[in-house]
Amino acid sequence: MGQTVLFNFRMDAQVKADMEKVCEDLGMNMSTAFNIYAKKIAREHRIPFELNADPFYSESNLAVLRESIEQLEQGKVVVKTMEELEAMERE
């Protein structure tokens, strides 16, 4: 193995804690896990898992969200309590 370098980056604290727990359960530290990941990327010339976009951020959903925000800003909303909604469901 060649010279080692220090590599810093930011991550969500809860994600880090969750990852540390998994690594501990697997008998390794996070440095080892990241090295395994980096070596796999270098060897395979690809991200070693499938990446998918969150469908929540699809253009059709964003259009509905924009329309809803516009209606809210124009005061075109109906406000119901939970009790009113439950009563409507029973009718």
PDB file of N, CA and C in Angstrom:
ATOM      1  N   MET A   1       0.844  -1.169   0.000  1.00  0.00           N
ATOM      2  CA  MET A   1       0.000   0.000   0.000  1.00  0.00           C
ATOM      3  C   MET A   1       0.887   1.228   0.000  1.00  0.00           C
ATOM      4  N   GLY A   2       0.455   2.287  -0.739  1.00  0.00           N
ATOM      5  CA  GLY A   2       1.230   3.513  -0.849  1.00  0.00           C
ATOM      6  C   GLY A   2       1.068   4.404   0.366  1.00  0.00           C
ATOM      7  N   GLN A   3       1.532   5.606   0.194  1.00  0.00           N
ATOM      8  CA  GLN A   3       1.444   6.609   1.253  1.00  0.00           C
ATOM      9  C   GLN A   3      -0.019   6.891   1.591  1.00  0.00           C
ATOM     10  N   THR A   4      -0.328   7.044   2.872  1.00  0.00           N
ATOM     11  CA  THR A   4      -1.695   7.373   3.277  1.00  0.00           C
ATOM     12  C   THR A   4      -1.837   8.883   3.397  1.00  0.00           C
ATOM     13  N   VAL A   5      -3.064   9.364   3.155  1.00  0.00           N
ATOM     14  CA  VAL A   5      -3.359  10.788   3.259  1.00  0.00           C
ATOM     15  C   VAL A   5      -4.584  10.967   4.140  1.00  0.00           C
ATOM     16  N   LEU A   6      -4.690  12.130   4.731  1.00  0.00           N
ATOM     17  CA  LEU A   6      -5.853  12.461   5.537  1.00  0.00           C
ATOM     18  C   LEU A   6      -6.909  13.042   4.610  1.00  0.00           C
ATOM     19  N   PHE A   7      -8.146  12.542   4.734  1.00  0.00           N
ATOM     20  CA  PHE A   7      -9.248  12.967   3.868  1.00  0.00           C
ATOM     21  C   PHE A   7     -10.411  13.343   4.775  1.00  0.00           C
ATOM     22  N   ASN A   8     -10.802  14.604   4.772  1.00  0.00           N
ATOM     23  CA  ASN A   8     -11.886  15.080   5.632  1.00  0.00           C
ATOM     24  C   ASN A   8     -13.110  15.434   4.807  1.00  0.00           C
ATOM     25  N   PHE A   9     -14.282  15.151   5.342  1.00  0.00           N
ATOM     26  CA  PHE A   9     -15.530  15.603   4.731  1.00  0.00           C
ATOM     27  C   PHE A   9     -16.596  15.669   5.794  1.00  0.00           C
ATOM     28  N   ARG A  10     -17.695  16.353   5.475  1.00  0.00           N
ATOM     29  CA  ARG A  10     -18.781  16.525   6.435  1.00  0.00           C
ATOM     30  C   ARG A  10     -19.895  15.519   6.171  1.00  0.00           C
ATOM     31  N   MET A  11     -20.549  15.105   7.253  1.00  0.00           N
ATOM     32  CA  MET A  11     -21.702  14.225   7.131  1.00  0.00           C
ATOM     33  C   MET A  11     -22.632  14.486   8.309  1.00  0.00           C
ATOM     34  N   ASP A  12     -23.882  14.165   8.129  1.00  0.00           N
ATOM     35  CA  ASP A  12     -24.875  14.319   9.182  1.00  0.00           C
ATOM     36  C   ASP A  12     -24.449  13.501  10.403  1.00  0.00           C
ATOM     37  N   ALA A  13     -24.597  14.099  11.583  1.00  0.00           N
ATOM     38  CA  ALA A  13     -24.153  13.443  12.815  1.00  0.00           C
ATOM     39  C   ALA A  13     -24.865  12.113  13.053  1.00  0.00           C
ATOM     40  N   GLN A  14     -26.163  12.041  12.759  1.00  0.00           N
ATOM     41  CA  GLN A  14     -26.898  10.793  12.987  1.00  0.00           C
ATOM     42  C   GLN A  14     -26.458   9.715  12.000  1.00  0.00           C
ATOM     43  N   VAL A  15     -26.199  10.103  10.757  1.00  0.00           N
ATOM     44  CA  VAL A  15     -25.706   9.135   9.763  1.00  0.00           C
ATOM     45  C   VAL A  15     -24.363   8.575  10.223  1.00  0.00           C
ATOM     46  N   LYS A  16     -23.504   9.451  10.716  1.00  0.00           N
ATOM     47  CA  LYS A  16     -22.191   9.009  11.218  1.00  0.00           C
ATOM     48  C   LYS A  16     -22.353   8.026  12.376  1.00  0.00           C
ATOM     49  N   ALA A  17     -23.224   8.360  13.319  1.00  0.00           N
ATOM     50  CA  ALA A  17     -23.440   7.469  14.467  1.00  0.00           C
ATOM     51  C   ALA A  17     -23.983   6.121  14.016  1.00  0.00           C
ATOM     52  N   ASP A  18     -24.933   6.142  13.075  1.00  0.00           N
ATOM     53  CA  ASP A  18     -25.498   4.888  12.559  1.00  0.00           C
ATOM     54  C   ASP A  18     -24.426   4.065  11.852  1.00  0.00           C
ATOM     55  N   MET A  19     -23.596   4.749  11.054  1.00  0.00           N
ATOM     56  CA  MET A  19     -22.538   4.036  10.332  1.00  0.00           C
ATOM     57  C   MET A  19     -21.509   3.458  11.298  1.00  0.00           C
ATOM     58  N   GLU A  20     -21.144   4.230  12.315  1.00  0.00           N
ATOM     59  CA  GLU A  20     -20.190   3.722  13.313  1.00  0.00           C
ATOM     60  C   GLU A  20     -20.713   2.454  13.971  1.00  0.00           C
ATOM     61  N   LYS A  21     -22.004   2.422  14.278  1.00  0.00           N
ATOM     62  CA  LYS A  21     -22.604   1.240  14.903  1.00  0.00           C
ATOM     63  C   LYS A  21     -22.525   0.033  13.973  1.00  0.00           C
ATOM     64  N   VAL A  22     -22.874   0.232  12.717  1.00  0.00           N
ATOM     65  CA  VAL A  22     -22.810  -0.875  11.748  1.00  0.00           C
ATOM     66  C   VAL A  22     -21.376  -1.359  11.595  1.00  0.00           C
ATOM     67  N   CYS A  23     -20.438  -0.425  11.457  1.00  0.00           N
ATOM     68  CA  CYS A  23     -19.030  -0.809  11.325  1.00  0.00           C
ATOM     69  C   CYS A  23     -18.562  -1.590  12.543  1.00  0.00           C
ATOM     70  N   GLU A  24     -18.947  -1.122  13.715  1.00  0.00           N
ATOM     71  CA  GLU A  24     -18.579  -1.825  14.952  1.00  0.00           C
ATOM     72  C   GLU A  24     -19.139  -3.249  14.940  1.00  0.00           C
ATOM     73  N   ASP A  25     -20.408  -3.381  14.530  1.00  0.00           N
ATOM     74  CA  ASP A  25     -21.032  -4.714  14.456  1.00  0.00           C
ATOM     75  C   ASP A  25     -20.290  -5.621  13.475  1.00  0.00           C
ATOM     76  N   LEU A  26     -19.687  -5.018  12.441  1.00  0.00           N
ATOM     77  CA  LEU A  26     -18.944  -5.785  11.437  1.00  0.00           C
ATOM     78  C   LEU A  26     -17.479  -5.985  11.816  1.00  0.00           C
ATOM     79  N   GLY A  27     -17.073  -5.404  12.957  1.00  0.00           N
ATOM     80  CA  GLY A  27     -15.698  -5.586  13.419  1.00  0.00           C
ATOM     81  C   GLY A  27     -14.690  -4.703  12.715  1.00  0.00           C
ATOM     82  N   MET A  28     -15.120  -3.535  12.269  1.00  0.00           N
ATOM     83  CA  MET A  28     -14.187  -2.611  11.612  1.00  0.00           C
ATOM     84  C   MET A  28     -14.506  -1.189  12.040  1.00  0.00           C
ATOM     85  N   ASN A  29     -13.618  -0.270  11.699  1.00  0.00           N
ATOM     86  CA  ASN A  29     -13.897   1.130  11.959  1.00  0.00           C
ATOM     87  C   ASN A  29     -14.331   1.813  10.657  1.00  0.00           C
ATOM     88  N   MET A  30     -14.712   3.075  10.766  1.00  0.00           N
ATOM     89  CA  MET A  30     -15.203   3.787   9.586  1.00  0.00           C
ATOM     90  C   MET A  30     -14.102   3.977   8.551  1.00  0.00           C
ATOM     91  N   SER A  31     -12.883   4.161   8.989  1.00  0.00           N
ATOM     92  CA  SER A  31     -11.768   4.330   8.058  1.00  0.00           C
ATOM     93  C   SER A  31     -11.622   3.094   7.166  1.00  0.00           C
ATOM     94  N   THR A  32     -11.709   1.928   7.774  1.00  0.00           N
ATOM     95  CA  THR A  32     -11.626   0.682   7.011  1.00  0.00           C
ATOM     96  C   THR A  32     -12.791   0.582   6.029  1.00  0.00           C
ATOM     97  N   ALA A  33     -13.995   0.931   6.485  1.00  0.00           N
ATOM     98  CA  ALA A  33     -15.174   0.867   5.608  1.00  0.00           C
ATOM     99  C   ALA A  33     -15.017   1.791   4.410  1.00  0.00           C
ATOM    100  N   PHE A  34     -14.555   3.019   4.654  1.00  0.00           N
ATOM    101  CA  PHE A  34     -14.361   3.955   3.541  1.00  0.00           C
ATOM    102  C   PHE A  34     -13.265   3.488   2.600  1.00  0.00           C
ATOM    103  N   ASN A  35     -12.209   2.874   3.132  1.00  0.00           N
ATOM    104  CA  ASN A  35     -11.150   2.345   2.272  1.00  0.00           C
ATOM    105  C   ASN A  35     -11.666   1.206   1.400  1.00  0.00           C
ATOM    106  N   ILE A  36     -12.482   0.339   1.968  1.00  0.00           N
ATOM    107  CA  ILE A  36     -13.087  -0.742   1.175  1.00  0.00           C
ATOM    108  C   ILE A  36     -13.917  -0.145   0.038  1.00  0.00           C
ATOM    109  N   TYR A  37     -14.736   0.859   0.380  1.00  0.00           N
ATOM    110  CA  TYR A  37     -15.583   1.527  -0.613  1.00  0.00           C
ATOM    111  C   TYR A  37     -14.719   2.170  -1.709  1.00  0.00           C
ATOM    112  N   ALA A  38     -13.682   2.918  -1.323  1.00  0.00           N
ATOM    113  CA  ALA A  38     -12.824   3.598  -2.297  1.00  0.00           C
ATOM    114  C   ALA A  38     -12.110   2.601  -3.210  1.00  0.00           C
ATOM    115  N   LYS A  39     -11.627   1.499  -2.646  1.00  0.00           N
ATOM    116  CA  LYS A  39     -10.937   0.489  -3.459  1.00  0.00           C
ATOM    117  C   LYS A  39     -11.887  -0.163  -4.452  1.00  0.00           C
ATOM    118  N   LYS A  40     -13.128  -0.392  -4.030  1.00  0.00           N
ATOM    119  CA  LYS A  40     -14.109  -0.997  -4.932  1.00  0.00           C
ATOM    120  C   LYS A  40     -14.430  -0.045  -6.089  1.00  0.00           C
ATOM    121  N   ILE A  41     -14.584   1.245  -5.789  1.00  0.00           N
ATOM    122  CA  ILE A  41     -14.817   2.230  -6.852  1.00  0.00           C
ATOM    123  C   ILE A  41     -13.636   2.252  -7.818  1.00  0.00           C
ATOM    124  N   ALA A  42     -12.416   2.292  -7.287  1.00  0.00           N
ATOM    125  CA  ALA A  42     -11.225   2.341  -8.132  1.00  0.00           C
ATOM    126  C   ALA A  42     -11.105   1.089  -9.005  1.00  0.00           C
ATOM    127  N   ARG A  43     -11.425  -0.054  -8.432  1.00  0.00           N
ATOM    128  CA  ARG A  43     -11.304  -1.327  -9.157  1.00  0.00           C
ATOM    129  C   ARG A  43     -12.367  -1.465 -10.240  1.00  0.00           C
ATOM    130  N   GLU A  44     -13.618  -1.065  -9.924  1.00  0.00           N
ATOM    131  CA  GLU A  44     -14.738  -1.295 -10.836  1.00  0.00           C
ATOM    132  C   GLU A  44     -15.088  -0.081 -11.711  1.00  0.00           C
ATOM    133  N   HIS A  45     -14.508   1.066 -11.397  1.00  0.00           N
ATOM    134  CA  HIS A  45     -14.790   2.303 -12.150  1.00  0.00           C
ATOM    135  C   HIS A  45     -16.279   2.627 -12.159  1.00  0.00           C
ATOM    136  N   ARG A  46     -16.916   2.455 -11.011  1.00  0.00           N
ATOM    137  CA  ARG A  46     -18.342   2.759 -10.874  1.00  0.00           C
ATOM    138  C   ARG A  46     -18.681   2.855  -9.399  1.00  0.00           C
ATOM    139  N   ILE A  47     -19.823   3.463  -9.101  1.00  0.00           N
ATOM    140  CA  ILE A  47     -20.338   3.446  -7.744  1.00  0.00           C
ATOM    141  C   ILE A  47     -20.850   2.020  -7.501  1.00  0.00           C
ATOM    142  N   PRO A  48     -20.434   1.358  -6.438  1.00  0.00           N
ATOM    143  CA  PRO A  48     -20.746  -0.063  -6.280  1.00  0.00           C
ATOM    144  C   PRO A  48     -22.155  -0.369  -5.761  1.00  0.00           C
ATOM    145  N   PHE A  49     -23.098   0.490  -6.078  1.00  0.00           N
ATOM    146  CA  PHE A  49     -24.495   0.223  -5.755  1.00  0.00           C
ATOM    147  C   PHE A  49     -25.346   1.088  -6.658  1.00  0.00           C
ATOM    148  N   GLU A  50     -26.620   0.761  -6.752  1.00  0.00           N
ATOM    149  CA  GLU A  50     -27.530   1.483  -7.627  1.00  0.00           C
ATOM    150  C   GLU A  50     -27.962   2.802  -6.983  1.00  0.00           C
ATOM    151  N   LEU A  51     -27.954   3.855  -7.774  1.00  0.00           N
ATOM    152  CA  LEU A  51     -28.411   5.158  -7.314  1.00  0.00           C
ATOM    153  C   LEU A  51     -29.755   5.454  -7.956  1.00  0.00           C
ATOM    154  N   ASN A  52     -30.700   5.903  -7.154  1.00  0.00           N
ATOM    155  CA  ASN A  52     -32.024   6.257  -7.655  1.00  0.00           C
ATOM    156  C   ASN A  52     -32.403   7.632  -7.139  1.00  0.00           C
ATOM    157  N   ALA A  53     -33.097   8.378  -7.958  1.00  0.00           N
ATOM    158  CA  ALA A  53     -33.593   9.676  -7.525  1.00  0.00           C
ATOM    159  C   ALA A  53     -34.844   9.466  -6.685  1.00  0.00           C
ATOM    160  N   ASP A  54     -35.007  10.284  -5.671  1.00  0.00           N
ATOM    161  CA  ASP A  54     -36.192  10.228  -4.829  1.00  0.00           C
ATOM    162  C   ASP A  54     -37.388  10.686  -5.658  1.00  0.00           C
ATOM    163  N   PRO A  55     -38.404   9.835  -5.848  1.00  0.00           N
ATOM    164  CA  PRO A  55     -39.549  10.210  -6.687  1.00  0.00           C
ATOM    165  C   PRO A  55     -40.321  11.402  -6.137  1.00  0.00           C
ATOM    166  N   PHE A  56     -40.125  11.728  -4.859  1.00  0.00           N
ATOM    167  CA  PHE A  56     -40.800  12.892  -4.294  1.00  0.00           C
ATOM    168  C   PHE A  56     -40.428  14.146  -5.061  1.00  0.00           C
ATOM    169  N   TYR A  57     -39.195  14.207  -5.563  1.00  0.00           N
ATOM    170  CA  TYR A  57     -38.709  15.389  -6.256  1.00  0.00           C
ATOM    171  C   TYR A  57     -38.916  15.317  -7.770  1.00  0.00           C
ATOM    172  N   SER A  58     -39.828  14.461  -8.220  1.00  0.00           N
ATOM    173  CA  SER A  58     -40.127  14.395  -9.651  1.00  0.00           C
ATOM    174  C   SER A  58     -40.775  15.702 -10.085  1.00  0.00           C
ATOM    175  N   GLU A  59     -40.694  16.004 -11.350  1.00  0.00           N
ATOM    176  CA  GLU A  59     -41.251  17.258 -11.862  1.00  0.00           C
ATOM    177  C   GLU A  59     -42.751  17.348 -11.609  1.00  0.00           C
ATOM    178  N   SER A  60     -43.468  16.231 -11.731  1.00  0.00           N
ATOM    179  CA  SER A  60     -44.917  16.276 -11.502  1.00  0.00           C
ATOM    180  C   SER A  60     -45.238  16.593 -10.038  1.00  0.00           C
ATOM    181  N   ASN A  61     -44.503  16.006  -9.103  1.00  0.00           N
ATOM    182  CA  ASN A  61     -44.725  16.317  -7.682  1.00  0.00           C
ATOM    183  C   ASN A  61     -44.359  17.757  -7.370  1.00  0.00           C
ATOM    184  N   LEU A  62     -43.253  18.230  -7.933  1.00  0.00           N
ATOM    185  CA  LEU A  62     -42.853  19.615  -7.694  1.00  0.00           C
ATOM    186  C   LEU A  62     -43.887  20.586  -8.258  1.00  0.00           C
ATOM    187  N   ALA A  63     -44.490  20.253  -9.396  1.00  0.00           N
ATOM    188  CA  ALA A  63     -45.537  21.102  -9.967  1.00  0.00           C
ATOM    189  C   ALA A  63     -46.738  21.179  -9.020  1.00  0.00           C
ATOM    190  N   VAL A  64     -47.142  20.044  -8.459  1.00  0.00           N
ATOM    191  CA  VAL A  64     -48.255  20.023  -7.504  1.00  0.00           C
ATOM    192  C   VAL A  64     -47.902  20.840  -6.264  1.00  0.00           C
ATOM    193  N   LEU A  65     -46.675  20.704  -5.791  1.00  0.00           N
ATOM    194  CA  LEU A  65     -46.247  21.478  -4.623  1.00  0.00           C
ATOM    195  C   LEU A  65     -46.263  22.973  -4.928  1.00  0.00           C
ATOM    196  N   ARG A  66     -45.771  23.371  -6.103  1.00  0.00           N
ATOM    197  CA  ARG A  66     -45.783  24.789  -6.472  1.00  0.00           C
ATOM    198  C   ARG A  66     -47.209  25.313  -6.541  1.00  0.00           C
ATOM    199  N   GLU A  67     -48.114  24.525  -7.113  1.00  0.00           N
ATOM    200  CA  GLU A  67     -49.520  24.927  -7.203  1.00  0.00           C
ATOM    201  C   GLU A  67     -50.135  25.057  -5.808  1.00  0.00           C
ATOM    202  N   SER A  68     -49.828  24.127  -4.935  1.00  0.00           N
ATOM    203  CA  SER A  68     -50.352  24.178  -3.567  1.00  0.00           C
ATOM    204  C   SER A  68     -49.842  25.408  -2.825  1.00  0.00           C
ATOM    205  N   ILE A  69     -48.576  25.732  -3.006  1.00  0.00           N
ATOM    206  CA  ILE A  69     -48.001  26.919  -2.362  1.00  0.00           C
ATOM    207  C   ILE A  69     -48.678  28.178  -2.894  1.00  0.00           C
ATOM    208  N   GLU A  70     -48.900  28.221  -4.192  1.00  0.00           N
ATOM    209  CA  GLU A  70     -49.571  29.377  -4.792  1.00  0.00           C
ATOM    210  C   GLU A  70     -50.984  29.534  -4.227  1.00  0.00           C
ATOM    211  N   GLN A  71     -51.719  28.425  -4.115  1.00  0.00           N
ATOM    212  CA  GLN A  71     -53.072  28.480  -3.547  1.00  0.00           C
ATOM    213  C   GLN A  71     -53.029  28.947  -2.100  1.00  0.00           C
ATOM    214  N   LEU A  72     -52.065  28.463  -1.345  1.00  0.00           N
ATOM    215  CA  LEU A  72     -51.920  28.874   0.048  1.00  0.00           C
ATOM    216  C   LEU A  72     -51.644  30.376   0.137  1.00  0.00           C
ATOM    217  N   GLU A  73     -50.725  30.859  -0.702  1.00  0.00           N
ATOM    218  CA  GLU A  73     -50.381  32.278  -0.691  1.00  0.00           C
ATOM    219  C   GLU A  73     -51.564  33.159  -1.089  1.00  0.00           C
ATOM    220  N   GLN A  74     -52.458  32.633  -1.929  1.00  0.00           N
ATOM    221  CA  GLN A  74     -53.634  33.386  -2.364  1.00  0.00           C
ATOM    222  C   GLN A  74     -54.805  33.222  -1.401  1.00  0.00           C
ATOM    223  N   GLY A  75     -54.615  32.447  -0.346  1.00  0.00           N
ATOM    224  CA  GLY A  75     -55.679  32.242   0.633  1.00  0.00           C
ATOM    225  C   GLY A  75     -56.749  31.273   0.169  1.00  0.00           C
ATOM    226  N   LYS A  76     -56.480  30.509  -0.855  1.00  0.00           N
ATOM    227  CA  LYS A  76     -57.443  29.544  -1.397  1.00  0.00           C
ATOM    228  C   LYS A  76     -57.266  28.186  -0.709  1.00  0.00           C
ATOM    229  N   VAL A  77     -57.483  28.186   0.599  1.00  0.00           N
ATOM    230  CA  VAL A  77     -57.334  26.946   1.360  1.00  0.00           C
ATOM    231  C   VAL A  77     -58.555  26.733   2.238  1.00  0.00           C
ATOM    232  N   VAL A  78     -58.819  25.488   2.550  1.00  0.00           N
ATOM    233  CA  VAL A  78     -59.890  25.126   3.468  1.00  0.00           C
ATOM    234  C   VAL A  78     -59.218  24.506   4.685  1.00  0.00           C
ATOM    235  N   VAL A  79     -59.550  25.033   5.852  1.00  0.00           N
ATOM    236  CA  VAL A  79     -58.943  24.541   7.078  1.00  0.00           C
ATOM    237  C   VAL A  79     -59.968  23.694   7.821  1.00  0.00           C
ATOM    238  N   LYS A  80     -59.585  22.479   8.155  1.00  0.00           N
ATOM    239  CA  LYS A  80     -60.449  21.561   8.901  1.00  0.00           C
ATOM    240  C   LYS A  80     -59.660  21.004  10.074  1.00  0.00           C
ATOM    241  N   THR A  81     -60.345  20.799  11.174  1.00  0.00           N
ATOM    242  CA  THR A  81     -59.707  20.139  12.313  1.00  0.00           C
ATOM    243  C   THR A  81     -59.707  18.632  12.048  1.00  0.00           C
ATOM    244  N   MET A  82     -58.943  17.924  12.835  1.00  0.00           N
ATOM    245  CA  MET A  82     -58.909  16.466  12.704  1.00  0.00           C
ATOM    246  C   MET A  82     -60.283  15.883  12.975  1.00  0.00           C
ATOM    247  N   GLU A  83     -60.982  16.435  13.938  1.00  0.00           N
ATOM    248  CA  GLU A  83     -62.325  15.947  14.269  1.00  0.00           C
ATOM    249  C   GLU A  83     -63.278  16.143  13.084  1.00  0.00           C
ATOM    250  N   GLU A  84     -63.176  17.296  12.421  1.00  0.00           N
ATOM    251  CA  GLU A  84     -64.027  17.548  11.252  1.00  0.00           C
ATOM    252  C   GLU A  84     -63.713  16.574  10.122  1.00  0.00           C
ATOM    253  N   LEU A  85     -62.449  16.311   9.910  1.00  0.00           N
ATOM    254  CA  LEU A  85     -62.048  15.358   8.863  1.00  0.00           C
ATOM    255  C   LEU A  85     -62.558  13.950   9.185  1.00  0.00           C
ATOM    256  N   GLU A  86     -62.428  13.545  10.440  1.00  0.00           N
ATOM    257  CA  GLU A  86     -62.912  12.221  10.840  1.00  0.00           C
ATOM    258  C   GLU A  86     -64.415  12.126  10.697  1.00  0.00           C
ATOM    259  N   ALA A  87     -65.137  13.204  11.018  1.00  0.00           N
ATOM    260  CA  ALA A  87     -66.576  13.214  10.858  1.00  0.00           C
ATOM    261  C   ALA A  87     -66.964  13.093   9.396  1.00  0.00           C
ATOM    262  N   MET A  88     -66.241  13.771   8.525  1.00  0.00           N
ATOM    263  CA  MET A  88     -66.504  13.679   7.086  1.00  0.00           C
ATOM    264  C   MET A  88     -66.299  12.256   6.587  1.00  0.00           C
ATOM    265  N   GLU A  89     -65.291  11.575   7.129  1.00  0.00           N
ATOM    266  CA  GLU A  89     -64.992  10.208   6.730  1.00  0.00           C
ATOM    267  C   GLU A  89     -66.129   9.260   7.118  1.00  0.00           C
ATOM    268  N   ARG A  90     -66.767   9.526   8.246  1.00  0.00           N
ATOM    269  CA  ARG A  90     -67.849   8.655   8.725  1.00  0.00           C
ATOM    270  C   ARG A  90     -69.137   8.860   7.924  1.00  0.00           C
ATOM    271  N   GLU A  91     -69.290   9.986   7.272  1.00  0.00           N
ATOM    272  CA  GLU A  91     -70.534  10.292   6.534  1.00  0.00           C
ATOM    273  C   GLU A  91     -70.649   9.489   5.275  1.00  0.00           C
TER     274      GLU A  91
END
